[in-house]
């Protein structure tokens, strides 16, 4: 890594990758406490599979609405010292609301998805 070799003074990357590097070298690396940005991950689905897209969006919205997202975050990341900061919490709040484009799709007007929907 560039930091260990002295070829650079600082490095910006995905927080989880940096945390892994810091855990491997706790005496030589320090991570700043503030986030520089929020980079959400995405889920890739087959193009045109509106039923799967609707089911995934409905399940994720349910997780956000029920506040399970905080429990999930804490289960996986609290053990390495991460806590959701105000920006992440704001993203979780926004994730509770349905995507307006999903409602306007002609395929979705007559289907109300549930998290337990079976996709055929």
PDB file of N, CA and C in Angstrom:
ATOM      1  N   UNK A   1       0.844  -1.183   0.000  1.00  0.00           N
ATOM      2  CA  UNK A   1       0.000   0.000   0.000  1.00  0.00           C
ATOM      3  C   UNK A   1       0.888   1.244   0.000  1.00  0.00           C
ATOM      4  N   UNK A   2       0.414   2.275  -0.621  1.00  0.00           N
ATOM      5  CA  UNK A   2       1.192   3.505  -0.752  1.00  0.00           C
ATOM      6  C   UNK A   2       1.525   4.148   0.594  1.00  0.00           C
ATOM      7  N   UNK A   3       0.611   4.041   1.561  1.00  0.00           N
ATOM      8  CA  UNK A   3       0.873   4.643   2.864  1.00  0.00           C
ATOM      9  C   UNK A   3       2.037   3.962   3.585  1.00  0.00           C
ATOM     10  N   UNK A   4       2.009   2.647   3.588  1.00  0.00           N
ATOM     11  CA  UNK A   4       3.064   1.919   4.291  1.00  0.00           C
ATOM     12  C   UNK A   4       4.439   2.139   3.671  1.00  0.00           C
ATOM     13  N   UNK A   5       4.470   2.318   2.352  1.00  0.00           N
ATOM     14  CA  UNK A   5       5.753   2.514   1.673  1.00  0.00           C
ATOM     15  C   UNK A   5       6.250   3.954   1.770  1.00  0.00           C
ATOM     16  N   UNK A   6       5.412   4.870   2.264  1.00  0.00           N
ATOM     17  CA  UNK A   6       5.799   6.266   2.378  1.00  0.00           C
ATOM     18  C   UNK A   6       5.661   7.050   1.079  1.00  0.00           C
ATOM     19  N   UNK A   7       5.041   6.437   0.065  1.00  0.00           N
ATOM     20  CA  UNK A   7       4.890   7.112  -1.228  1.00  0.00           C
ATOM     21  C   UNK A   7       3.734   8.115  -1.240  1.00  0.00           C
ATOM     22  N   UNK A   8       2.899   8.095  -0.199  1.00  0.00           N
ATOM     23  CA  UNK A   8       1.825   9.083  -0.070  1.00  0.00           C
ATOM     24  C   UNK A   8       1.584   9.342   1.413  1.00  0.00           C
ATOM     25  N   UNK A   9       0.985  10.491   1.698  1.00  0.00           N
ATOM     26  CA  UNK A   9       0.723  10.858   3.094  1.00  0.00           C
ATOM     27  C   UNK A   9      -0.683  10.497   3.548  1.00  0.00           C
ATOM     28  N   UNK A  10      -1.610  10.370   2.603  1.00  0.00           N
ATOM     29  CA  UNK A  10      -3.008  10.080   2.951  1.00  0.00           C
ATOM     30  C   UNK A  10      -3.659   9.350   1.782  1.00  0.00           C
ATOM     31  N   UNK A  11      -4.780   8.697   2.072  1.00  0.00           N
ATOM     32  CA  UNK A  11      -5.474   7.924   1.053  1.00  0.00           C
ATOM     33  C   UNK A  11      -6.963   7.948   1.352  1.00  0.00           C
ATOM     34  N   UNK A  12      -7.781   8.229   0.347  1.00  0.00           N
ATOM     35  CA  UNK A  12      -9.244   8.226   0.503  1.00  0.00           C
ATOM     36  C   UNK A  12      -9.815   7.043  -0.268  1.00  0.00           C
ATOM     37  N   UNK A  13     -10.733   6.336   0.388  1.00  0.00           N
ATOM     38  CA  UNK A  13     -11.333   5.162  -0.247  1.00  0.00           C
ATOM     39  C   UNK A  13     -12.607   4.809   0.498  1.00  0.00           C
ATOM     40  N   UNK A  14     -13.186   3.691   0.131  1.00  0.00           N
ATOM     41  CA  UNK A  14     -14.349   3.142   0.806  1.00  0.00           C
ATOM     42  C   UNK A  14     -14.001   2.934   2.288  1.00  0.00           C
ATOM     43  N   UNK A  15     -14.893   3.352   3.161  1.00  0.00           N
ATOM     44  CA  UNK A  15     -14.609   3.306   4.599  1.00  0.00           C
ATOM     45  C   UNK A  15     -14.312   1.887   5.087  1.00  0.00           C
ATOM     46  N   UNK A  16     -15.018   0.906   4.567  1.00  0.00           N
ATOM     47  CA  UNK A  16     -14.783  -0.464   5.018  1.00  0.00           C
ATOM     48  C   UNK A  16     -13.402  -0.970   4.588  1.00  0.00           C
ATOM     49  N   UNK A  17     -12.979  -0.580   3.388  1.00  0.00           N
ATOM     50  CA  UNK A  17     -11.631  -0.967   2.949  1.00  0.00           C
ATOM     51  C   UNK A  17     -10.566  -0.312   3.819  1.00  0.00           C
ATOM     52  N   UNK A  18     -10.765   0.964   4.125  1.00  0.00           N
ATOM     53  CA  UNK A  18      -9.803   1.663   4.982  1.00  0.00           C
ATOM     54  C   UNK A  18      -9.782   1.078   6.385  1.00  0.00           C
ATOM     55  N   UNK A  19     -10.958   0.719   6.890  1.00  0.00           N
ATOM     56  CA  UNK A  19     -11.030   0.125   8.217  1.00  0.00           C
ATOM     57  C   UNK A  19     -10.274  -1.201   8.252  1.00  0.00           C
ATOM     58  N   UNK A  20     -10.420  -1.997   7.199  1.00  0.00           N
ATOM     59  CA  UNK A  20      -9.677  -3.250   7.125  1.00  0.00           C
ATOM     60  C   UNK A  20      -8.181  -3.023   7.133  1.00  0.00           C
ATOM     61  N   UNK A  21      -7.718  -2.007   6.394  1.00  0.00           N
ATOM     62  CA  UNK A  21      -6.284  -1.685   6.374  1.00  0.00           C
ATOM     63  C   UNK A  21      -5.817  -1.214   7.747  1.00  0.00           C
ATOM     64  N   UNK A  22      -6.651  -0.429   8.414  1.00  0.00           N
ATOM     65  CA  UNK A  22      -6.284   0.066   9.737  1.00  0.00           C
ATOM     66  C   UNK A  22      -6.217  -1.073  10.759  1.00  0.00           C
ATOM     67  N   UNK A  23      -7.130  -2.026  10.661  1.00  0.00           N
ATOM     68  CA  UNK A  23      -7.123  -3.165  11.579  1.00  0.00           C
ATOM     69  C   UNK A  23      -5.850  -3.993  11.385  1.00  0.00           C
ATOM     70  N   UNK A  24      -5.399  -4.116  10.141  1.00  0.00           N
ATOM     71  CA  UNK A  24      -4.175  -4.875   9.862  1.00  0.00           C
ATOM     72  C   UNK A  24      -2.920  -4.141  10.336  1.00  0.00           C
ATOM     73  N   UNK A  25      -2.974  -2.800  10.358  1.00  0.00           N
ATOM     74  CA  UNK A  25      -1.808  -1.995  10.748  1.00  0.00           C
ATOM     75  C   UNK A  25      -2.208  -0.910  11.744  1.00  0.00           C
ATOM     76  N   UNK A  26      -2.682  -1.278  12.932  1.00  0.00           N
ATOM     77  CA  UNK A  26      -3.203  -0.263  13.868  1.00  0.00           C
ATOM     78  C   UNK A  26      -2.151   0.723  14.380  1.00  0.00           C
ATOM     79  N   UNK A  27      -0.891   0.321  14.392  1.00  0.00           N
ATOM     80  CA  UNK A  27       0.148   1.232  14.888  1.00  0.00           C
ATOM     81  C   UNK A  27       0.567   2.262  13.835  1.00  0.00           C
ATOM     82  N   UNK A  28       0.355   1.971  12.561  1.00  0.00           N
ATOM     83  CA  UNK A  28       0.855   2.860  11.510  1.00  0.00           C
ATOM     84  C   UNK A  28      -0.229   3.659  10.800  1.00  0.00           C
ATOM     85  N   UNK A  29      -1.485   3.220  10.901  1.00  0.00           N
ATOM     86  CA  UNK A  29      -2.557   3.904  10.168  1.00  0.00           C
ATOM     87  C   UNK A  29      -3.622   4.438  11.114  1.00  0.00           C
ATOM     88  N   UNK A  30      -4.114   5.626  10.796  1.00  0.00           N
ATOM     89  CA  UNK A  30      -5.204   6.243  11.546  1.00  0.00           C
ATOM     90  C   UNK A  30      -6.261   6.694  10.551  1.00  0.00           C
ATOM     91  N   UNK A  31      -7.517   6.473  10.893  1.00  0.00           N
ATOM     92  CA  UNK A  31      -8.597   6.887  10.019  1.00  0.00           C
ATOM     93  C   UNK A  31      -9.297   8.105  10.624  1.00  0.00           C
ATOM     94  N   UNK A  32      -9.523   9.117   9.804  1.00  0.00           N
ATOM     95  CA  UNK A  32     -10.238  10.296  10.275  1.00  0.00           C
ATOM     96  C   UNK A  32     -11.666   9.914  10.648  1.00  0.00           C
ATOM     97  N   UNK A  33     -12.234  10.546  11.687  1.00  0.00           N
ATOM     98  CA  UNK A  33     -13.569  10.162  12.132  1.00  0.00           C
ATOM     99  C   UNK A  33     -14.695  10.633  11.200  1.00  0.00           C
ATOM    100  N   UNK A  34     -14.438  11.662  10.417  1.00  0.00           N
ATOM    101  CA  UNK A  34     -15.505  12.220   9.578  1.00  0.00           C
ATOM    102  C   UNK A  34     -15.556  11.544   8.218  1.00  0.00           C
ATOM    103  N   UNK A  35     -16.775  11.387   7.700  1.00  0.00           N
ATOM    104  CA  UNK A  35     -16.945  10.867   6.351  1.00  0.00           C
ATOM    105  C   UNK A  35     -16.781  12.010   5.361  1.00  0.00           C
ATOM    106  N   UNK A  36     -16.068  11.761   4.280  1.00  0.00           N
ATOM    107  CA  UNK A  36     -15.917  12.770   3.231  1.00  0.00           C
ATOM    108  C   UNK A  36     -17.129  12.791   2.316  1.00  0.00           C
ATOM    109  N   UNK A  37     -17.754  11.643   2.153  1.00  0.00           N
ATOM    110  CA  UNK A  37     -18.952  11.538   1.329  1.00  0.00           C
ATOM    111  C   UNK A  37     -19.665  10.247   1.685  1.00  0.00           C
ATOM    112  N   UNK A  38     -20.847  10.095   1.161  1.00  0.00           N
ATOM    113  CA  UNK A  38     -21.619   8.866   1.311  1.00  0.00           C
ATOM    114  C   UNK A  38     -21.751   8.251  -0.071  1.00  0.00           C
ATOM    115  N   UNK A  39     -21.298   7.053  -0.210  1.00  0.00           N
ATOM    116  CA  UNK A  39     -21.357   6.346  -1.491  1.00  0.00           C
ATOM    117  C   UNK A  39     -22.220   5.102  -1.313  1.00  0.00           C
ATOM    118  N   UNK A  40     -23.496   5.195  -1.630  1.00  0.00           N
ATOM    119  CA  UNK A  40     -24.359   4.025  -1.435  1.00  0.00           C
ATOM    120  C   UNK A  40     -24.010   2.900  -2.409  1.00  0.00           C
ATOM    121  N   UNK A  41     -24.179   1.697  -1.934  1.00  0.00           N
ATOM    122  CA  UNK A  41     -23.994   0.527  -2.774  1.00  0.00           C
ATOM    123  C   UNK A  41     -25.280   0.305  -3.562  1.00  0.00           C
ATOM    124  N   UNK A  42     -25.204  -0.481  -4.591  1.00  0.00           N
ATOM    125  CA  UNK A  42     -26.371  -0.730  -5.434  1.00  0.00           C
ATOM    126  C   UNK A  42     -26.591  -2.228  -5.592  1.00  0.00           C
ATOM    127  N   UNK A  43     -27.776  -2.560  -6.036  1.00  0.00           N
ATOM    128  CA  UNK A  43     -28.133  -3.942  -6.336  1.00  0.00           C
ATOM    129  C   UNK A  43     -28.407  -4.009  -7.833  1.00  0.00           C
ATOM    130  N   UNK A  44     -27.771  -4.933  -8.515  1.00  0.00           N
ATOM    131  CA  UNK A  44     -27.967  -5.089  -9.956  1.00  0.00           C
ATOM    132  C   UNK A  44     -29.020  -6.169 -10.182  1.00  0.00           C
ATOM    133  N   UNK A  45     -30.003  -5.843 -11.021  1.00  0.00           N
ATOM    134  CA  UNK A  45     -31.081  -6.775 -11.354  1.00  0.00           C
ATOM    135  C   UNK A  45     -31.143  -6.957 -12.860  1.00  0.00           C
ATOM    136  N   UNK A  46     -31.734  -8.045 -13.310  1.00  0.00           N
ATOM    137  CA  UNK A  46     -31.894  -8.216 -14.757  1.00  0.00           C
ATOM    138  C   UNK A  46     -32.774  -7.102 -15.340  1.00  0.00           C
ATOM    139  N   UNK A  47     -32.372  -6.553 -16.462  1.00  0.00           N
ATOM    140  CA  UNK A  47     -33.129  -5.493 -17.120  1.00  0.00           C
ATOM    141  C   UNK A  47     -34.534  -6.001 -17.452  1.00  0.00           C
ATOM    142  N   UNK A  48     -35.531  -5.188 -17.141  1.00  0.00           N
ATOM    143  CA  UNK A  48     -36.912  -5.499 -17.487  1.00  0.00           C
ATOM    144  C   UNK A  48     -37.641  -6.385 -16.490  1.00  0.00           C
ATOM    145  N   UNK A  49     -36.973  -6.851 -15.452  1.00  0.00           N
ATOM    146  CA  UNK A  49     -37.640  -7.710 -14.468  1.00  0.00           C
ATOM    147  C   UNK A  49     -38.292  -6.819 -13.414  1.00  0.00           C
ATOM    148  N   UNK A  50     -39.429  -6.226 -13.773  1.00  0.00           N
ATOM    149  CA  UNK A  50     -40.075  -5.257 -12.890  1.00  0.00           C
ATOM    150  C   UNK A  50     -40.610  -5.907 -11.632  1.00  0.00           C
ATOM    151  N   UNK A  51     -40.996  -7.174 -11.698  1.00  0.00           N
ATOM    152  CA  UNK A  51     -41.503  -7.845 -10.489  1.00  0.00           C
ATOM    153  C   UNK A  51     -40.387  -8.001  -9.452  1.00  0.00           C
ATOM    154  N   UNK A  52     -39.226  -8.422  -9.899  1.00  0.00           N
ATOM    155  CA  UNK A  52     -38.102  -8.550  -8.979  1.00  0.00           C
ATOM    156  C   UNK A  52     -37.713  -7.181  -8.429  1.00  0.00           C
ATOM    157  N   UNK A  53     -37.656  -6.186  -9.296  1.00  0.00           N
ATOM    158  CA  UNK A  53     -37.313  -4.828  -8.847  1.00  0.00           C
ATOM    159  C   UNK A  53     -38.301  -4.340  -7.799  1.00  0.00           C
ATOM    160  N   UNK A  54     -39.574  -4.549  -8.023  1.00  0.00           N
ATOM    161  CA  UNK A  54     -40.599  -4.112  -7.082  1.00  0.00           C
ATOM    162  C   UNK A  54     -40.474  -4.867  -5.757  1.00  0.00           C
ATOM    163  N   UNK A  55     -40.240  -6.178  -5.836  1.00  0.00           N
ATOM    164  CA  UNK A  55     -40.098  -6.971  -4.611  1.00  0.00           C
ATOM    165  C   UNK A  55     -38.877  -6.524  -3.804  1.00  0.00           C
ATOM    166  N   UNK A  56     -37.752  -6.285  -4.490  1.00  0.00           N
ATOM    167  CA  UNK A  56     -36.535  -5.833  -3.797  1.00  0.00           C
ATOM    168  C   UNK A  56     -36.775  -4.462  -3.172  1.00  0.00           C
ATOM    169  N   UNK A  57     -37.353  -3.529  -3.934  1.00  0.00           N
ATOM    170  CA  UNK A  57     -37.619  -2.194  -3.400  1.00  0.00           C
ATOM    171  C   UNK A  57     -38.579  -2.245  -2.216  1.00  0.00           C
ATOM    172  N   UNK A  58     -39.624  -3.084  -2.312  1.00  0.00           N
ATOM    173  CA  UNK A  58     -40.587  -3.197  -1.215  1.00  0.00           C
ATOM    174  C   UNK A  58     -39.930  -3.781   0.030  1.00  0.00           C
ATOM    175  N   UNK A  59     -39.097  -4.799  -0.146  1.00  0.00           N
ATOM    176  CA  UNK A  59     -38.425  -5.408   1.000  1.00  0.00           C
ATOM    177  C   UNK A  59     -37.464  -4.423   1.660  1.00  0.00           C
ATOM    178  N   UNK A  60     -36.699  -3.702   0.844  1.00  0.00           N
ATOM    179  CA  UNK A  60     -35.780  -2.708   1.406  1.00  0.00           C
ATOM    180  C   UNK A  60     -36.537  -1.588   2.123  1.00  0.00           C
ATOM    181  N   UNK A  61     -37.626  -1.117   1.530  1.00  0.00           N
ATOM    182  CA  UNK A  61     -38.428  -0.063   2.173  1.00  0.00           C
ATOM    183  C   UNK A  61     -38.974  -0.545   3.510  1.00  0.00           C
ATOM    184  N   UNK A  62     -39.386  -1.808   3.569  1.00  0.00           N
ATOM    185  CA  UNK A  62     -39.885  -2.362   4.833  1.00  0.00           C
ATOM    186  C   UNK A  62     -38.778  -2.407   5.882  1.00  0.00           C
ATOM    187  N   UNK A  63     -37.584  -2.777   5.473  1.00  0.00           N
ATOM    188  CA  UNK A  63     -36.457  -2.794   6.409  1.00  0.00           C
ATOM    189  C   UNK A  63     -36.207  -1.384   6.946  1.00  0.00           C
ATOM    190  N   UNK A  64     -36.237  -0.380   6.072  1.00  0.00           N
ATOM    191  CA  UNK A  64     -36.025   0.998   6.505  1.00  0.00           C
ATOM    192  C   UNK A  64     -37.170   1.482   7.393  1.00  0.00           C
ATOM    193  N   UNK A  65     -38.419   1.194   7.008  1.00  0.00           N
ATOM    194  CA  UNK A  65     -39.573   1.649   7.794  1.00  0.00           C
ATOM    195  C   UNK A  65     -39.582   1.058   9.196  1.00  0.00           C
ATOM    196  N   UNK A  66     -39.145  -0.187   9.319  1.00  0.00           N
ATOM    197  CA  UNK A  66     -39.195  -0.869  10.617  1.00  0.00           C
ATOM    198  C   UNK A  66     -37.974  -0.543  11.480  1.00  0.00           C
ATOM    199  N   UNK A  67     -37.057   0.226  10.975  1.00  0.00           N
ATOM    200  CA  UNK A  67     -35.808   0.575  11.659  1.00  0.00           C
ATOM    201  C   UNK A  67     -34.864  -0.621  11.801  1.00  0.00           C
ATOM    202  N   UNK A  68     -35.143  -1.714  11.096  1.00  0.00           N
ATOM    203  CA  UNK A  68     -34.235  -2.861  11.116  1.00  0.00           C
ATOM    204  C   UNK A  68     -32.873  -2.495  10.545  1.00  0.00           C
ATOM    205  N   UNK A  69     -32.821  -1.484   9.700  1.00  0.00           N
ATOM    206  CA  UNK A  69     -31.561  -1.117   9.062  1.00  0.00           C
ATOM    207  C   UNK A  69     -30.507  -0.751  10.102  1.00  0.00           C
ATOM    208  N   UNK A  70     -30.928  -0.077  11.169  1.00  0.00           N
ATOM    209  CA  UNK A  70     -29.989   0.294  12.233  1.00  0.00           C
ATOM    210  C   UNK A  70     -29.500  -0.955  12.961  1.00  0.00           C
ATOM    211  N   UNK A  71     -30.406  -1.900  13.210  1.00  0.00           N
ATOM    212  CA  UNK A  71     -30.017  -3.155  13.851  1.00  0.00           C
ATOM    213  C   UNK A  71     -29.036  -3.923  12.968  1.00  0.00           C
ATOM    214  N   UNK A  72     -29.293  -3.955  11.666  1.00  0.00           N
ATOM    215  CA  UNK A  72     -28.407  -4.653  10.735  1.00  0.00           C
ATOM    216  C   UNK A  72     -27.036  -3.984  10.710  1.00  0.00           C
ATOM    217  N   UNK A  73     -27.033  -2.655  10.619  1.00  0.00           N
ATOM    218  CA  UNK A  73     -25.768  -1.917  10.627  1.00  0.00           C
ATOM    219  C   UNK A  73     -24.975  -2.251  11.889  1.00  0.00           C
ATOM    220  N   UNK A  74     -25.644  -2.164  13.028  1.00  0.00           N
ATOM    221  CA  UNK A  74     -24.946  -2.404  14.295  1.00  0.00           C
ATOM    222  C   UNK A  74     -24.458  -3.837  14.416  1.00  0.00           C
ATOM    223  N   UNK A  75     -25.233  -4.805  13.918  1.00  0.00           N
ATOM    224  CA  UNK A  75     -24.821  -6.210  14.005  1.00  0.00           C
ATOM    225  C   UNK A  75     -23.516  -6.444  13.256  1.00  0.00           C
ATOM    226  N   UNK A  76     -23.359  -5.795  12.109  1.00  0.00           N
ATOM    227  CA  UNK A  76     -22.189  -6.069  11.280  1.00  0.00           C
ATOM    228  C   UNK A  76     -21.033  -5.101  11.496  1.00  0.00           C
ATOM    229  N   UNK A  77     -21.333  -3.858  11.885  1.00  0.00           N
ATOM    230  CA  UNK A  77     -20.272  -2.857  11.905  1.00  0.00           C
ATOM    231  C   UNK A  77     -19.905  -2.342  13.287  1.00  0.00           C
ATOM    232  N   UNK A  78     -20.765  -2.497  14.277  1.00  0.00           N
ATOM    233  CA  UNK A  78     -20.424  -2.032  15.627  1.00  0.00           C
ATOM    234  C   UNK A  78     -19.230  -2.809  16.171  1.00  0.00           C
ATOM    235  N   UNK A  79     -19.090  -4.069  15.762  1.00  0.00           N
ATOM    236  CA  UNK A  79     -17.978  -4.884  16.258  1.00  0.00           C
ATOM    237  C   UNK A  79     -16.615  -4.355  15.814  1.00  0.00           C
ATOM    238  N   UNK A  80     -16.597  -3.516  14.763  1.00  0.00           N
ATOM    239  CA  UNK A  80     -15.335  -2.906  14.332  1.00  0.00           C
ATOM    240  C   UNK A  80     -15.309  -1.404  14.636  1.00  0.00           C
ATOM    241  N   UNK A  81     -16.236  -0.957  15.473  1.00  0.00           N
ATOM    242  CA  UNK A  81     -16.213   0.419  15.940  1.00  0.00           C
ATOM    243  C   UNK A  81     -16.951   1.431  15.085  1.00  0.00           C
ATOM    244  N   UNK A  82     -17.720   0.987  14.082  1.00  0.00           N
ATOM    245  CA  UNK A  82     -18.466   1.937  13.256  1.00  0.00           C
ATOM    246  C   UNK A  82     -19.869   2.152  13.803  1.00  0.00           C
ATOM    247  N   UNK A  83     -20.324   3.382  13.702  1.00  0.00           N
ATOM    248  CA  UNK A  83     -21.691   3.747  14.081  1.00  0.00           C
ATOM    249  C   UNK A  83     -22.260   4.595  12.955  1.00  0.00           C
ATOM    250  N   UNK A  84     -23.565   4.501  12.685  1.00  0.00           N
ATOM    251  CA  UNK A  84     -24.123   5.354  11.633  1.00  0.00           C
ATOM    252  C   UNK A  84     -24.021   6.828  12.044  1.00  0.00           C
ATOM    253  N   UNK A  85     -23.477   7.656  11.163  1.00  0.00           N
ATOM    254  CA  UNK A  85     -23.378   9.078  11.461  1.00  0.00           C
ATOM    255  C   UNK A  85     -24.655   9.774  10.961  1.00  0.00           C
ATOM    256  N   UNK A  86     -24.800  11.086  11.185  1.00  0.00           N
ATOM    257  CA  UNK A  86     -26.033  11.781  10.783  1.00  0.00           C
ATOM    258  C   UNK A  86     -26.361  11.653   9.289  1.00  0.00           C
ATOM    259  N   UNK A  87     -25.347  11.647   8.405  1.00  0.00           N
ATOM    260  CA  UNK A  87     -25.632  11.488   6.972  1.00  0.00           C
ATOM    261  C   UNK A  87     -26.201  10.107   6.662  1.00  0.00           C
ATOM    262  N   UNK A  88     -25.646   9.091   7.270  1.00  0.00           N
ATOM    263  CA  UNK A  88     -26.149   7.731   7.050  1.00  0.00           C
ATOM    264  C   UNK A  88     -27.560   7.614   7.602  1.00  0.00           C
ATOM    265  N   UNK A  89     -27.810   8.168   8.774  1.00  0.00           N
ATOM    266  CA  UNK A  89     -29.163   8.143   9.335  1.00  0.00           C
ATOM    267  C   UNK A  89     -30.154   8.870   8.434  1.00  0.00           C
ATOM    268  N   UNK A  90     -29.730   9.982   7.829  1.00  0.00           N
ATOM    269  CA  UNK A  90     -30.609  10.700   6.896  1.00  0.00           C
ATOM    270  C   UNK A  90     -30.917   9.827   5.681  1.00  0.00           C
ATOM    271  N   UNK A  91     -29.920   9.100   5.182  1.00  0.00           N
ATOM    272  CA  UNK A  91     -30.158   8.188   4.060  1.00  0.00           C
ATOM    273  C   UNK A  91     -31.143   7.099   4.452  1.00  0.00           C
ATOM    274  N   UNK A  92     -31.039   6.605   5.671  1.00  0.00           N
ATOM    275  CA  UNK A  92     -31.968   5.574   6.126  1.00  0.00           C
ATOM    276  C   UNK A  92     -33.395   6.120   6.177  1.00  0.00           C
ATOM    277  N   UNK A  93     -33.535   7.350   6.638  1.00  0.00           N
ATOM    278  CA  UNK A  93     -34.868   7.969   6.690  1.00  0.00           C
ATOM    279  C   UNK A  93     -35.431   8.120   5.280  1.00  0.00           C
ATOM    280  N   UNK A  94     -34.601   8.589   4.345  1.00  0.00           N
ATOM    281  CA  UNK A  94     -35.062   8.739   2.960  1.00  0.00           C
ATOM    282  C   UNK A  94     -35.390   7.387   2.326  1.00  0.00           C
ATOM    283  N   UNK A  95     -34.720   6.339   2.752  1.00  0.00           N
ATOM    284  CA  UNK A  95     -34.983   5.016   2.220  1.00  0.00           C
ATOM    285  C   UNK A  95     -36.344   4.468   2.603  1.00  0.00           C
ATOM    286  N   UNK A  96     -37.016   5.110   3.540  1.00  0.00           N
ATOM    287  CA  UNK A  96     -38.351   4.673   3.962  1.00  0.00           C
ATOM    288  C   UNK A  96     -39.429   5.023   2.944  1.00  0.00           C
ATOM    289  N   UNK A  97     -39.110   5.929   2.045  1.00  0.00           N
ATOM    290  CA  UNK A  97     -40.122   6.418   1.125  1.00  0.00           C
ATOM    291  C   UNK A  97     -40.001   5.742  -0.223  1.00  0.00           C
ATOM    292  N   UNK A  98     -41.139   5.458  -0.812  1.00  0.00           N
ATOM    293  CA  UNK A  98     -41.210   4.756  -2.084  1.00  0.00           C
ATOM    294  C   UNK A  98     -40.667   5.620  -3.213  1.00  0.00           C
ATOM    295  N   UNK A  99     -39.990   4.995  -4.143  1.00  0.00           N
ATOM    296  CA  UNK A  99     -39.484   5.655  -5.335  1.00  0.00           C
ATOM    297  C   UNK A  99     -40.669   6.029  -6.214  1.00  0.00           C
ATOM    298  N   UNK A 100     -40.850   7.317  -6.515  1.00  0.00           N
ATOM    299  CA  UNK A 100     -41.998   7.764  -7.304  1.00  0.00           C
ATOM    300  C   UNK A 100     -42.002   7.165  -8.697  1.00  0.00           C
ATOM    301  N   UNK A 101     -40.828   6.920  -9.278  1.00  0.00           N
ATOM    302  CA  UNK A 101     -40.785   6.321 -10.614  1.00  0.00           C
ATOM    303  C   UNK A 101     -41.379   4.923 -10.602  1.00  0.00           C
ATOM    304  N   UNK A 102     -41.230   4.202  -9.511  1.00  0.00           N
ATOM    305  CA  UNK A 102     -41.777   2.848  -9.435  1.00  0.00           C
ATOM    306  C   UNK A 102     -43.292   2.876  -9.522  1.00  0.00           C
ATOM    307  N   UNK A 103     -43.926   3.868  -8.906  1.00  0.00           N
ATOM    308  CA  UNK A 103     -45.386   3.933  -8.926  1.00  0.00           C
ATOM    309  C   UNK A 103     -45.919   4.290 -10.293  1.00  0.00           C
ATOM    310  N   UNK A 104     -45.151   5.027 -11.076  1.00  0.00           N
ATOM    311  CA  UNK A 104     -45.664   5.492 -12.358  1.00  0.00           C
ATOM    312  C   UNK A 104     -45.516   4.457 -13.468  1.00  0.00           C
ATOM    313  N   UNK A 105     -44.778   3.393 -13.232  1.00  0.00           N
ATOM    314  CA  UNK A 105     -44.585   2.382 -14.257  1.00  0.00           C
ATOM    315  C   UNK A 105     -45.901   1.687 -14.555  1.00  0.00           C
ATOM    316  N   UNK A 106     -46.284   1.541 -15.828  1.00  0.00           N
ATOM    317  CA  UNK A 106     -47.559   0.904 -16.149  1.00  0.00           C
ATOM    318  C   UNK A 106     -47.630  -0.538 -15.658  1.00  0.00           C
ATOM    319  N   UNK A 107     -46.496  -1.208 -15.536  1.00  0.00           N
ATOM    320  CA  UNK A 107     -46.494  -2.588 -15.067  1.00  0.00           C
ATOM    321  C   UNK A 107     -46.832  -2.681 -13.585  1.00  0.00           C
ATOM    322  N   UNK A 108     -46.600  -1.621 -12.834  1.00  0.00           N
ATOM    323  CA  UNK A 108     -46.712  -1.687 -11.389  1.00  0.00           C
ATOM    324  C   UNK A 108     -48.033  -1.157 -10.859  1.00  0.00           C
ATOM    325  N   UNK A 109     -48.859  -0.601 -11.696  1.00  0.00           N
ATOM    326  CA  UNK A 109     -50.093   0.036 -11.222  1.00  0.00           C
ATOM    327  C   UNK A 109     -51.031  -0.939 -10.534  1.00  0.00           C
ATOM    328  N   UNK A 110     -51.060  -2.191 -10.960  1.00  0.00           N
ATOM    329  CA  UNK A 110     -52.023  -3.146 -10.423  1.00  0.00           C
ATOM    330  C   UNK A 110     -51.399  -4.175  -9.503  1.00  0.00           C
ATOM    331  N   UNK A 111     -50.147  -3.991  -9.155  1.00  0.00           N
ATOM    332  CA  UNK A 111     -49.470  -4.954  -8.302  1.00  0.00           C
ATOM    333  C   UNK A 111     -48.945  -4.258  -7.064  1.00  0.00           C
ATOM    334  N   UNK A 112     -49.331  -4.754  -5.913  1.00  0.00           N
ATOM    335  CA  UNK A 112     -48.817  -4.217  -4.662  1.00  0.00           C
ATOM    336  C   UNK A 112     -47.871  -5.262  -4.088  1.00  0.00           C
ATOM    337  N   UNK A 113     -46.589  -4.931  -4.060  1.00  0.00           N
ATOM    338  CA  UNK A 113     -45.588  -5.899  -3.628  1.00  0.00           C
ATOM    339  C   UNK A 113     -45.550  -6.025  -2.130  1.00  0.00           C
ATOM    340  N   UNK A 114     -45.221  -7.218  -1.702  1.00  0.00           N
ATOM    341  CA  UNK A 114     -44.985  -7.497  -0.281  1.00  0.00           C
ATOM    342  C   UNK A 114     -43.595  -8.090  -0.182  1.00  0.00           C
ATOM    343  N   UNK A 115     -42.924  -7.925   0.946  1.00  0.00           N
ATOM    344  CA  UNK A 115     -41.562  -8.461   1.060  1.00  0.00           C
ATOM    345  C   UNK A 115     -41.471  -9.966   0.817  1.00  0.00           C
ATOM    346  N   UNK A 116     -42.576 -10.689   1.061  1.00  0.00           N
ATOM    347  CA  UNK A 116     -42.538 -12.135   0.882  1.00  0.00           C
ATOM    348  C   UNK A 116     -43.060 -12.586  -0.489  1.00  0.00           C
ATOM    349  N   UNK A 117     -43.227 -11.665  -1.434  1.00  0.00           N
ATOM    350  CA  UNK A 117     -43.677 -12.018  -2.776  1.00  0.00           C
ATOM    351  C   UNK A 117     -42.734 -13.032  -3.413  1.00  0.00           C
ATOM    352  N   UNK A 118     -43.305 -13.969  -4.115  1.00  0.00           N
ATOM    353  CA  UNK A 118     -42.516 -14.943  -4.862  1.00  0.00           C
ATOM    354  C   UNK A 118     -42.420 -14.464  -6.290  1.00  0.00           C
ATOM    355  N   UNK A 119     -41.224 -14.394  -6.818  1.00  0.00           N
ATOM    356  CA  UNK A 119     -41.003 -13.941  -8.185  1.00  0.00           C
ATOM    357  C   UNK A 119     -40.928 -15.161  -9.083  1.00  0.00           C
ATOM    358  N   UNK A 120     -41.761 -15.177 -10.097  1.00  0.00           N
ATOM    359  CA  UNK A 120     -41.765 -16.309 -11.035  1.00  0.00           C
ATOM    360  C   UNK A 120     -41.127 -15.924 -12.336  1.00  0.00           C
TER     361      UNK A 120
END
